[in-house]
């Protein structure tokens, strides 16, 4: 799908070939790549270009990704969906210079809102490596619950790593959105 979302601070838009350089720059940081399952380290410009060639405007919602743009900085990260064995999975990363500003919470919330409106999916899955407390805090804040523990291959680490498996149901999302602050 070719979708663009606007939040109070961010533009979430389809990835473009011109995103290759900042993607490679931010993912070629072990502190970022080491938190992700499907990203190798070192991460090269050729890796970014190869991934960007897989992005097409006709992909289903379950395979939609958003480049996260912060005005004045350009691309700072990514959030997107892919199909897993159980159903749709959301994943995300943010360049290290932008950590701790609430950017990823804002981007993930907007993408989940879009996803639940665009699909009939009853649940979105995710998870974090056991040491990624910041990412787990984002998921917890947005209504994800732990559904188990597993191990997952981390390409950057070249090893199976303990993983906290999470899910967000449509009913929890809807109830959360209907709460009065």
N, C-alpha and C. Protein backbone atom coordinates (compact mmCIF):
# COMPACT_ATOMS: atom_id res chain seq x y z
N UNK A 1 0.85 -1.17 0.00
CA UNK A 1 0.00 0.00 0.00
C UNK A 1 0.89 1.23 0.00
N UNK A 2 0.43 2.24 -0.65
CA UNK A 2 1.17 3.49 -0.73
C UNK A 2 0.47 4.50 0.18
N UNK A 3 0.84 4.51 1.46
CA UNK A 3 0.15 5.29 2.48
C UNK A 3 1.13 6.26 3.13
N UNK A 4 0.65 7.46 3.42
CA UNK A 4 1.41 8.44 4.18
C UNK A 4 0.59 8.86 5.39
N UNK A 5 1.24 8.91 6.54
CA UNK A 5 0.58 9.29 7.79
C UNK A 5 1.28 10.51 8.37
N UNK A 6 0.50 11.37 8.98
CA UNK A 6 1.05 12.57 9.63
C UNK A 6 0.71 12.49 11.11
N UNK A 7 1.70 12.73 11.96
CA UNK A 7 1.47 12.83 13.40
C UNK A 7 1.83 14.25 13.80
N UNK A 8 1.65 14.61 15.06
CA UNK A 8 2.01 15.98 15.45
C UNK A 8 3.46 16.37 15.12
N UNK A 9 4.38 15.40 15.20
CA UNK A 9 5.79 15.73 14.94
C UNK A 9 6.40 15.03 13.75
N UNK A 10 5.74 14.03 13.20
CA UNK A 10 6.38 13.14 12.24
C UNK A 10 5.60 12.98 10.95
N UNK A 11 6.33 12.63 9.90
CA UNK A 11 5.74 12.18 8.65
C UNK A 11 6.14 10.72 8.48
N UNK A 12 5.16 9.84 8.34
CA UNK A 12 5.41 8.44 8.05
C UNK A 12 5.00 8.22 6.62
N UNK A 13 5.97 7.84 5.80
CA UNK A 13 5.74 7.76 4.36
C UNK A 13 6.37 6.49 3.80
N UNK A 14 5.99 6.14 2.56
CA UNK A 14 6.62 4.98 1.93
C UNK A 14 8.13 5.20 1.78
N UNK A 15 8.87 4.12 1.91
CA UNK A 15 10.31 4.18 1.71
C UNK A 15 10.62 4.51 0.26
N UNK A 16 11.72 5.22 0.07
CA UNK A 16 12.17 5.62 -1.28
C UNK A 16 13.63 5.24 -1.44
N UNK A 17 14.08 5.07 -2.68
CA UNK A 17 15.47 4.73 -2.92
C UNK A 17 16.42 5.76 -2.31
N UNK A 18 16.00 7.01 -2.23
CA UNK A 18 16.81 8.05 -1.62
C UNK A 18 17.01 7.88 -0.12
N UNK A 19 16.29 6.94 0.49
CA UNK A 19 16.44 6.67 1.92
C UNK A 19 17.64 5.78 2.22
N UNK A 20 18.26 5.23 1.20
CA UNK A 20 19.32 4.23 1.41
C UNK A 20 20.45 4.75 2.30
N UNK A 21 20.92 5.95 2.06
CA UNK A 21 22.06 6.44 2.83
C UNK A 21 21.75 6.59 4.33
N UNK A 22 20.66 7.27 4.70
CA UNK A 22 20.39 7.34 6.15
C UNK A 22 20.04 5.98 6.76
N UNK A 23 19.39 5.11 6.03
CA UNK A 23 19.10 3.77 6.55
C UNK A 23 20.42 3.07 6.86
N UNK A 24 21.33 3.08 5.90
CA UNK A 24 22.63 2.42 6.11
C UNK A 24 23.40 3.07 7.26
N UNK A 25 23.37 4.37 7.34
CA UNK A 25 24.10 5.07 8.41
C UNK A 25 23.57 4.66 9.79
N UNK A 26 22.27 4.68 9.98
CA UNK A 26 21.70 4.36 11.29
C UNK A 26 21.74 2.87 11.63
N UNK A 27 21.57 2.00 10.64
CA UNK A 27 21.61 0.56 10.92
C UNK A 27 23.02 0.01 11.01
N UNK A 28 24.01 0.78 10.57
CA UNK A 28 25.39 0.35 10.73
C UNK A 28 25.92 0.79 12.10
N UNK A 29 25.10 0.69 13.09
CA UNK A 29 25.41 0.99 14.47
C UNK A 29 24.97 -0.24 15.26
N UNK A 30 25.90 -0.92 15.90
CA UNK A 30 25.55 -2.16 16.59
C UNK A 30 24.51 -1.94 17.68
N UNK A 31 24.48 -0.76 18.30
CA UNK A 31 23.48 -0.49 19.32
C UNK A 31 22.07 -0.50 18.74
N UNK A 32 21.93 -0.23 17.45
CA UNK A 32 20.63 -0.31 16.77
C UNK A 32 20.43 -1.72 16.20
N UNK A 33 21.35 -2.16 15.35
CA UNK A 33 21.22 -3.46 14.68
C UNK A 33 21.16 -4.62 15.67
N UNK A 34 21.85 -4.50 16.78
CA UNK A 34 21.87 -5.58 17.78
C UNK A 34 20.56 -5.77 18.51
N UNK A 35 19.62 -4.86 18.32
CA UNK A 35 18.28 -4.98 18.90
C UNK A 35 17.28 -5.56 17.91
N UNK A 36 17.71 -5.84 16.68
CA UNK A 36 16.82 -6.27 15.62
C UNK A 36 17.14 -7.69 15.17
N UNK A 37 16.12 -8.44 14.80
CA UNK A 37 16.33 -9.82 14.37
C UNK A 37 16.87 -9.91 12.95
N UNK A 38 16.32 -9.13 12.04
CA UNK A 38 16.55 -9.36 10.61
C UNK A 38 17.55 -8.40 9.97
N UNK A 39 18.38 -7.75 10.77
CA UNK A 39 19.34 -6.77 10.25
C UNK A 39 20.76 -7.25 10.53
N UNK A 40 21.57 -7.40 9.49
CA UNK A 40 22.96 -7.81 9.71
C UNK A 40 23.81 -6.65 10.21
N UNK A 41 24.98 -7.00 10.76
CA UNK A 41 25.96 -5.99 11.15
C UNK A 41 27.33 -6.52 10.78
N UNK A 42 28.16 -5.76 10.13
CA UNK A 42 27.90 -4.39 9.68
C UNK A 42 26.81 -4.33 8.63
N UNK A 43 26.20 -3.17 8.53
CA UNK A 43 25.11 -2.92 7.57
C UNK A 43 25.64 -1.92 6.55
N UNK A 44 25.56 -2.32 5.28
CA UNK A 44 26.14 -1.53 4.20
C UNK A 44 25.08 -0.81 3.37
N UNK A 45 25.53 0.17 2.62
CA UNK A 45 24.65 0.88 1.69
C UNK A 45 23.99 -0.12 0.74
N UNK A 46 24.73 -1.13 0.32
CA UNK A 46 24.16 -2.14 -0.59
C UNK A 46 23.03 -2.92 0.08
N UNK A 47 23.11 -3.14 1.40
CA UNK A 47 22.02 -3.80 2.13
C UNK A 47 20.76 -2.95 2.09
N UNK A 48 20.93 -1.65 2.33
CA UNK A 48 19.78 -0.73 2.31
C UNK A 48 19.15 -0.69 0.93
N UNK A 49 19.99 -0.60 -0.11
CA UNK A 49 19.46 -0.56 -1.48
C UNK A 49 18.73 -1.85 -1.82
N UNK A 50 19.28 -2.99 -1.41
CA UNK A 50 18.63 -4.28 -1.69
C UNK A 50 17.26 -4.35 -1.00
N UNK A 51 17.19 -3.91 0.26
CA UNK A 51 15.91 -3.93 0.96
C UNK A 51 14.91 -2.98 0.31
N UNK A 52 15.37 -1.80 -0.06
CA UNK A 52 14.48 -0.81 -0.67
C UNK A 52 13.90 -1.31 -1.99
N UNK A 53 14.64 -2.15 -2.70
CA UNK A 53 14.11 -2.71 -3.96
C UNK A 53 12.95 -3.66 -3.72
N UNK A 54 12.78 -4.14 -2.49
CA UNK A 54 11.65 -5.03 -2.17
C UNK A 54 10.38 -4.25 -1.87
N UNK A 55 10.48 -2.97 -1.67
CA UNK A 55 9.31 -2.13 -1.34
C UNK A 55 8.58 -1.77 -2.61
N UNK A 56 7.32 -2.07 -2.65
CA UNK A 56 6.48 -1.80 -3.81
C UNK A 56 5.19 -1.15 -3.33
N UNK A 57 4.58 -0.28 -4.14
CA UNK A 57 3.34 0.38 -3.71
C UNK A 57 2.14 -0.55 -3.63
N UNK A 58 2.21 -1.73 -4.26
CA UNK A 58 1.06 -2.63 -4.29
C UNK A 58 1.11 -3.71 -3.22
N UNK A 59 2.00 -3.59 -2.24
CA UNK A 59 2.09 -4.60 -1.18
C UNK A 59 0.87 -4.48 -0.26
N UNK A 60 0.44 -5.60 0.32
CA UNK A 60 -0.71 -5.55 1.23
C UNK A 60 -0.36 -4.83 2.53
N UNK A 61 -1.38 -4.47 3.27
CA UNK A 61 -1.18 -3.77 4.55
C UNK A 61 -0.24 -4.56 5.47
N UNK A 62 -0.33 -5.88 5.42
CA UNK A 62 0.49 -6.73 6.27
C UNK A 62 1.96 -6.71 5.90
N UNK A 63 2.31 -6.02 4.81
CA UNK A 63 3.70 -5.89 4.38
C UNK A 63 4.04 -4.43 4.07
N UNK A 64 3.38 -3.53 4.79
CA UNK A 64 3.58 -2.09 4.58
C UNK A 64 4.60 -1.57 5.58
N UNK A 65 5.49 -0.72 5.10
CA UNK A 65 6.52 -0.11 5.94
C UNK A 65 6.48 1.39 5.77
N UNK A 66 6.87 2.08 6.82
CA UNK A 66 6.91 3.54 6.79
C UNK A 66 8.30 4.04 7.16
N UNK A 67 8.83 4.93 6.34
CA UNK A 67 10.02 5.69 6.72
C UNK A 67 9.54 6.79 7.66
N UNK A 68 10.26 6.99 8.74
CA UNK A 68 9.90 8.00 9.73
C UNK A 68 10.75 9.24 9.47
N UNK A 69 10.08 10.34 9.13
CA UNK A 69 10.77 11.60 8.89
C UNK A 69 10.49 12.55 10.04
N UNK A 70 11.55 13.17 10.54
CA UNK A 70 11.45 14.20 11.56
C UNK A 70 11.84 15.51 10.89
N UNK A 71 10.94 16.50 10.85
CA UNK A 71 11.27 17.76 10.18
C UNK A 71 12.60 18.33 10.68
N UNK A 72 13.41 18.75 9.73
CA UNK A 72 14.72 19.30 10.04
C UNK A 72 15.82 18.25 10.12
N UNK A 73 15.43 16.96 10.13
CA UNK A 73 16.42 15.89 10.24
C UNK A 73 16.31 14.86 9.12
N UNK A 74 15.18 14.80 8.44
CA UNK A 74 14.98 13.78 7.42
C UNK A 74 14.63 12.45 8.04
N UNK A 75 15.01 11.36 7.37
CA UNK A 75 14.70 10.02 7.83
C UNK A 75 15.46 9.73 9.13
N UNK A 76 14.72 9.25 10.14
CA UNK A 76 15.35 8.93 11.43
C UNK A 76 15.09 7.48 11.85
N UNK A 77 14.23 6.79 11.14
CA UNK A 77 13.92 5.41 11.50
C UNK A 77 12.88 4.80 10.60
N UNK A 78 12.37 3.67 11.07
CA UNK A 78 11.42 2.91 10.27
C UNK A 78 10.46 2.16 11.17
N UNK A 79 9.23 1.99 10.71
CA UNK A 79 8.24 1.15 11.37
C UNK A 79 7.48 0.44 10.28
N UNK A 80 7.18 -0.84 10.50
CA UNK A 80 6.46 -1.55 9.46
C UNK A 80 5.96 -2.91 9.90
N UNK A 81 5.25 -3.52 8.99
CA UNK A 81 4.60 -4.80 9.23
C UNK A 81 5.13 -5.85 8.26
N UNK A 82 5.16 -7.09 8.72
CA UNK A 82 5.42 -8.23 7.85
C UNK A 82 4.65 -9.42 8.39
N UNK A 83 4.39 -10.39 7.54
CA UNK A 83 3.62 -11.56 7.96
C UNK A 83 4.54 -12.58 8.61
N UNK A 84 4.14 -13.05 9.76
CA UNK A 84 4.84 -14.12 10.45
C UNK A 84 3.99 -15.37 10.42
N UNK A 85 4.44 -16.40 11.09
CA UNK A 85 3.70 -17.68 11.12
C UNK A 85 2.31 -17.52 11.72
N UNK A 86 2.18 -16.67 12.75
CA UNK A 86 0.89 -16.52 13.44
C UNK A 86 0.04 -15.40 12.87
N UNK A 87 0.66 -14.49 12.13
CA UNK A 87 -0.08 -13.34 11.61
C UNK A 87 0.84 -12.14 11.47
N UNK A 88 0.26 -10.95 11.38
CA UNK A 88 1.06 -9.75 11.15
C UNK A 88 1.95 -9.40 12.35
N UNK A 89 3.17 -8.99 12.04
CA UNK A 89 4.16 -8.60 13.04
C UNK A 89 4.56 -7.16 12.78
N UNK A 90 4.64 -6.36 13.83
CA UNK A 90 5.16 -5.00 13.69
C UNK A 90 6.59 -4.97 14.22
N UNK A 91 7.43 -4.28 13.47
CA UNK A 91 8.81 -4.08 13.88
C UNK A 91 9.19 -2.63 13.65
N UNK A 92 10.25 -2.19 14.30
CA UNK A 92 10.64 -0.79 14.19
C UNK A 92 12.06 -0.60 14.66
N UNK A 93 12.65 0.48 14.19
CA UNK A 93 13.97 0.89 14.67
C UNK A 93 14.08 2.41 14.54
N UNK A 94 14.97 2.97 15.33
CA UNK A 94 15.19 4.41 15.34
C UNK A 94 16.68 4.66 15.45
N UNK A 95 17.17 5.61 14.65
CA UNK A 95 18.58 5.99 14.73
C UNK A 95 18.93 6.43 16.14
N UNK A 96 20.10 6.01 16.62
CA UNK A 96 20.50 6.26 18.00
C UNK A 96 20.47 7.74 18.40
N UNK A 97 20.83 8.69 17.51
CA UNK A 97 20.78 10.10 17.93
C UNK A 97 19.37 10.58 18.32
N UNK A 98 18.34 9.79 18.01
CA UNK A 98 16.96 10.21 18.25
C UNK A 98 16.27 9.43 19.37
N UNK A 99 17.02 8.57 20.04
CA UNK A 99 16.46 7.79 21.14
C UNK A 99 16.05 8.71 22.28
N UNK A 100 15.02 8.29 23.01
CA UNK A 100 14.63 8.98 24.23
C UNK A 100 13.79 10.22 24.04
N UNK A 101 13.25 10.42 22.85
CA UNK A 101 12.43 11.62 22.58
C UNK A 101 10.96 11.31 22.36
N UNK A 102 10.55 10.05 22.50
CA UNK A 102 9.16 9.67 22.27
C UNK A 102 8.79 9.53 20.80
N UNK A 103 9.79 9.61 19.93
CA UNK A 103 9.54 9.52 18.49
C UNK A 103 8.96 8.16 18.11
N UNK A 104 9.56 7.10 18.63
CA UNK A 104 9.10 5.77 18.23
C UNK A 104 7.72 5.47 18.79
N UNK A 105 7.42 5.89 19.99
CA UNK A 105 6.07 5.68 20.52
C UNK A 105 5.04 6.34 19.61
N UNK A 106 5.33 7.55 19.17
CA UNK A 106 4.42 8.29 18.29
C UNK A 106 4.26 7.59 16.94
N UNK A 107 5.36 7.10 16.39
CA UNK A 107 5.32 6.44 15.08
C UNK A 107 4.60 5.09 15.15
N UNK A 108 4.89 4.31 16.18
CA UNK A 108 4.25 3.00 16.33
C UNK A 108 2.76 3.17 16.57
N UNK A 109 2.38 4.12 17.41
CA UNK A 109 0.96 4.36 17.67
C UNK A 109 0.22 4.72 16.39
N UNK A 110 0.78 5.62 15.58
CA UNK A 110 0.13 6.02 14.33
C UNK A 110 0.03 4.86 13.35
N UNK A 111 1.07 4.05 13.27
CA UNK A 111 1.03 2.93 12.33
C UNK A 111 0.05 1.86 12.78
N UNK A 112 -0.05 1.62 14.09
CA UNK A 112 -1.05 0.66 14.58
C UNK A 112 -2.47 1.16 14.34
N UNK A 113 -2.69 2.44 14.58
CA UNK A 113 -4.02 3.02 14.32
C UNK A 113 -4.41 2.80 12.85
N UNK A 114 -3.47 3.09 11.96
CA UNK A 114 -3.72 2.88 10.53
C UNK A 114 -3.98 1.40 10.24
N UNK A 115 -3.14 0.52 10.78
CA UNK A 115 -3.24 -0.90 10.49
C UNK A 115 -4.58 -1.48 10.92
N UNK A 116 -5.02 -1.15 12.13
CA UNK A 116 -6.30 -1.69 12.59
C UNK A 116 -7.48 -1.10 11.81
N UNK A 117 -7.33 0.07 11.24
CA UNK A 117 -8.39 0.63 10.39
C UNK A 117 -8.37 0.02 8.99
N UNK A 118 -7.16 -0.34 8.51
CA UNK A 118 -6.99 -0.81 7.13
C UNK A 118 -7.19 -2.31 6.97
N UNK A 119 -7.18 -3.06 8.07
CA UNK A 119 -7.28 -4.51 7.99
C UNK A 119 -8.30 -5.04 9.00
N UNK A 120 -8.76 -6.28 8.78
CA UNK A 120 -9.62 -6.92 9.77
C UNK A 120 -8.82 -7.73 10.79
N UNK A 121 -7.50 -7.64 10.76
CA UNK A 121 -6.65 -8.45 11.64
C UNK A 121 -7.08 -8.33 13.09
N UNK A 122 -7.27 -9.45 13.78
CA UNK A 122 -7.68 -9.40 15.18
C UNK A 122 -6.52 -9.15 16.15
N UNK A 123 -5.28 -9.31 15.65
CA UNK A 123 -4.12 -9.20 16.53
C UNK A 123 -2.88 -8.80 15.71
N UNK A 124 -1.97 -8.09 16.35
CA UNK A 124 -0.65 -7.78 15.80
C UNK A 124 0.36 -8.32 16.79
N UNK A 125 1.36 -9.02 16.28
CA UNK A 125 2.40 -9.60 17.12
C UNK A 125 3.64 -8.74 17.08
N UNK A 126 4.47 -8.89 18.08
CA UNK A 126 5.77 -8.22 18.11
C UNK A 126 6.61 -8.92 19.17
N UNK A 127 7.55 -8.19 19.70
CA UNK A 127 8.40 -8.73 20.74
C UNK A 127 9.71 -7.98 20.77
N UNK A 128 10.51 -8.31 21.76
CA UNK A 128 11.80 -7.65 21.93
C UNK A 128 12.80 -8.67 22.45
N UNK A 129 14.07 -8.42 22.16
CA UNK A 129 15.10 -9.21 22.81
C UNK A 129 15.08 -8.86 24.30
N UNK A 130 15.41 -9.80 25.14
CA UNK A 130 15.24 -9.66 26.59
C UNK A 130 15.92 -8.43 27.18
N UNK A 131 16.92 -7.90 26.54
CA UNK A 131 17.66 -6.75 27.07
C UNK A 131 17.14 -5.40 26.57
N UNK A 132 16.13 -5.40 25.72
CA UNK A 132 15.66 -4.16 25.10
C UNK A 132 14.48 -3.57 25.88
N UNK A 133 14.79 -3.04 27.06
CA UNK A 133 13.75 -2.51 27.94
C UNK A 133 13.02 -1.32 27.33
N UNK A 134 13.71 -0.48 26.57
CA UNK A 134 13.06 0.70 25.97
C UNK A 134 11.98 0.29 24.98
N UNK A 135 12.27 -0.68 24.15
CA UNK A 135 11.28 -1.13 23.18
C UNK A 135 10.11 -1.83 23.87
N UNK A 136 10.41 -2.61 24.91
CA UNK A 136 9.33 -3.25 25.65
C UNK A 136 8.44 -2.21 26.32
N UNK A 137 9.02 -1.12 26.79
CA UNK A 137 8.23 -0.04 27.41
C UNK A 137 7.28 0.59 26.39
N UNK A 138 7.74 0.77 25.15
CA UNK A 138 6.86 1.30 24.10
C UNK A 138 5.68 0.37 23.90
N UNK A 139 5.96 -0.92 23.77
CA UNK A 139 4.90 -1.88 23.53
C UNK A 139 3.91 -1.94 24.69
N UNK A 140 4.43 -1.95 25.90
CA UNK A 140 3.56 -2.00 27.08
C UNK A 140 2.66 -0.76 27.13
N UNK A 141 3.25 0.40 26.87
CA UNK A 141 2.48 1.65 26.88
C UNK A 141 1.34 1.62 25.87
N UNK A 142 1.57 0.94 24.73
CA UNK A 142 0.57 0.91 23.67
C UNK A 142 -0.42 -0.25 23.81
N UNK A 143 -0.29 -1.07 24.85
CA UNK A 143 -1.27 -2.12 25.10
C UNK A 143 -0.84 -3.53 24.77
N UNK A 144 0.39 -3.73 24.30
CA UNK A 144 0.88 -5.08 24.04
C UNK A 144 1.01 -5.83 25.36
N UNK A 145 0.79 -7.14 25.31
CA UNK A 145 0.97 -7.99 26.47
C UNK A 145 1.92 -9.12 26.12
N UNK A 146 2.66 -9.57 27.12
CA UNK A 146 3.58 -10.69 26.92
C UNK A 146 2.77 -11.97 26.76
N UNK A 147 3.13 -12.76 25.73
CA UNK A 147 2.43 -14.03 25.50
C UNK A 147 3.36 -15.23 25.59
N UNK A 148 4.64 -14.96 25.85
CA UNK A 148 5.57 -16.07 25.98
C UNK A 148 7.00 -15.63 25.82
N UNK A 149 7.86 -16.61 25.90
CA UNK A 149 9.30 -16.40 25.71
C UNK A 149 9.77 -17.39 24.67
N UNK A 150 10.76 -16.98 23.91
CA UNK A 150 11.31 -17.84 22.87
C UNK A 150 12.76 -17.43 22.65
N UNK A 151 13.37 -18.01 21.65
CA UNK A 151 14.66 -17.52 21.19
C UNK A 151 14.48 -17.16 19.73
N UNK A 152 15.24 -16.17 19.30
CA UNK A 152 15.13 -15.67 17.93
C UNK A 152 16.53 -15.36 17.44
N UNK A 153 16.78 -15.72 16.19
CA UNK A 153 18.09 -15.42 15.61
C UNK A 153 18.24 -13.92 15.43
N UNK A 154 19.32 -13.38 15.94
CA UNK A 154 19.69 -11.98 15.74
C UNK A 154 20.86 -11.99 14.76
N UNK A 155 20.62 -11.54 13.53
CA UNK A 155 21.67 -11.57 12.52
C UNK A 155 22.89 -10.75 12.93
N UNK A 156 22.67 -9.60 13.53
CA UNK A 156 23.79 -8.74 13.92
C UNK A 156 24.67 -9.41 14.97
N UNK A 157 24.08 -10.21 15.83
CA UNK A 157 24.82 -10.88 16.89
C UNK A 157 25.29 -12.27 16.46
N UNK A 158 24.72 -12.77 15.37
CA UNK A 158 25.08 -14.10 14.89
C UNK A 158 24.74 -15.19 15.89
N UNK A 159 23.63 -15.01 16.61
CA UNK A 159 23.28 -15.97 17.65
C UNK A 159 21.78 -15.95 17.91
N UNK A 160 21.30 -17.04 18.50
CA UNK A 160 19.94 -17.10 19.01
C UNK A 160 19.92 -16.32 20.32
N UNK A 161 18.93 -15.45 20.48
CA UNK A 161 18.85 -14.57 21.65
C UNK A 161 17.49 -14.75 22.32
N UNK A 162 17.48 -14.71 23.65
CA UNK A 162 16.22 -14.80 24.39
C UNK A 162 15.31 -13.65 23.97
N UNK A 163 14.05 -13.97 23.71
CA UNK A 163 13.09 -13.02 23.14
C UNK A 163 11.81 -13.04 23.97
N UNK A 164 11.25 -11.86 24.22
CA UNK A 164 9.95 -11.72 24.88
C UNK A 164 8.92 -11.53 23.78
N UNK A 165 8.00 -12.46 23.64
CA UNK A 165 6.97 -12.42 22.60
C UNK A 165 5.77 -11.63 23.11
N UNK A 166 5.25 -10.73 22.28
CA UNK A 166 4.12 -9.90 22.67
C UNK A 166 3.04 -9.89 21.60
N UNK A 167 1.87 -9.44 22.00
CA UNK A 167 0.77 -9.25 21.05
C UNK A 167 -0.10 -8.10 21.50
N UNK A 168 -0.77 -7.52 20.53
CA UNK A 168 -1.77 -6.48 20.77
C UNK A 168 -3.03 -6.89 20.03
N UNK A 169 -4.12 -7.10 20.77
CA UNK A 169 -5.36 -7.47 20.13
C UNK A 169 -6.13 -6.22 19.71
N UNK A 170 -6.94 -6.41 18.71
CA UNK A 170 -7.80 -5.32 18.25
C UNK A 170 -8.70 -4.82 19.38
N UNK A 171 -9.22 -5.73 20.19
CA UNK A 171 -10.12 -5.32 21.27
C UNK A 171 -9.38 -4.48 22.32
N UNK A 172 -8.16 -4.84 22.65
CA UNK A 172 -7.38 -4.04 23.60
C UNK A 172 -7.06 -2.67 23.00
N UNK A 173 -6.69 -2.66 21.72
CA UNK A 173 -6.38 -1.38 21.04
C UNK A 173 -7.62 -0.48 21.05
N UNK A 174 -8.75 -1.06 20.69
CA UNK A 174 -9.99 -0.28 20.61
C UNK A 174 -10.37 0.25 22.00
N UNK A 175 -10.27 -0.58 23.02
CA UNK A 175 -10.60 -0.15 24.38
C UNK A 175 -9.65 0.95 24.84
N UNK A 176 -8.38 0.82 24.50
CA UNK A 176 -7.38 1.82 24.87
C UNK A 176 -7.69 3.15 24.20
N UNK A 177 -8.08 3.11 22.94
CA UNK A 177 -8.37 4.32 22.18
C UNK A 177 -9.65 4.99 22.68
N UNK A 178 -10.54 4.20 23.28
CA UNK A 178 -11.81 4.77 23.77
C UNK A 178 -11.74 5.27 25.21
N UNK A 179 -10.59 5.05 25.87
CA UNK A 179 -10.44 5.51 27.25
C UNK A 179 -10.38 7.04 27.27
N UNK A 180 -10.98 7.60 28.29
CA UNK A 180 -10.92 9.06 28.47
C UNK A 180 -9.65 9.36 29.25
N UNK A 181 -8.81 10.28 28.74
CA UNK A 181 -7.56 10.58 29.46
C UNK A 181 -7.81 11.19 30.83
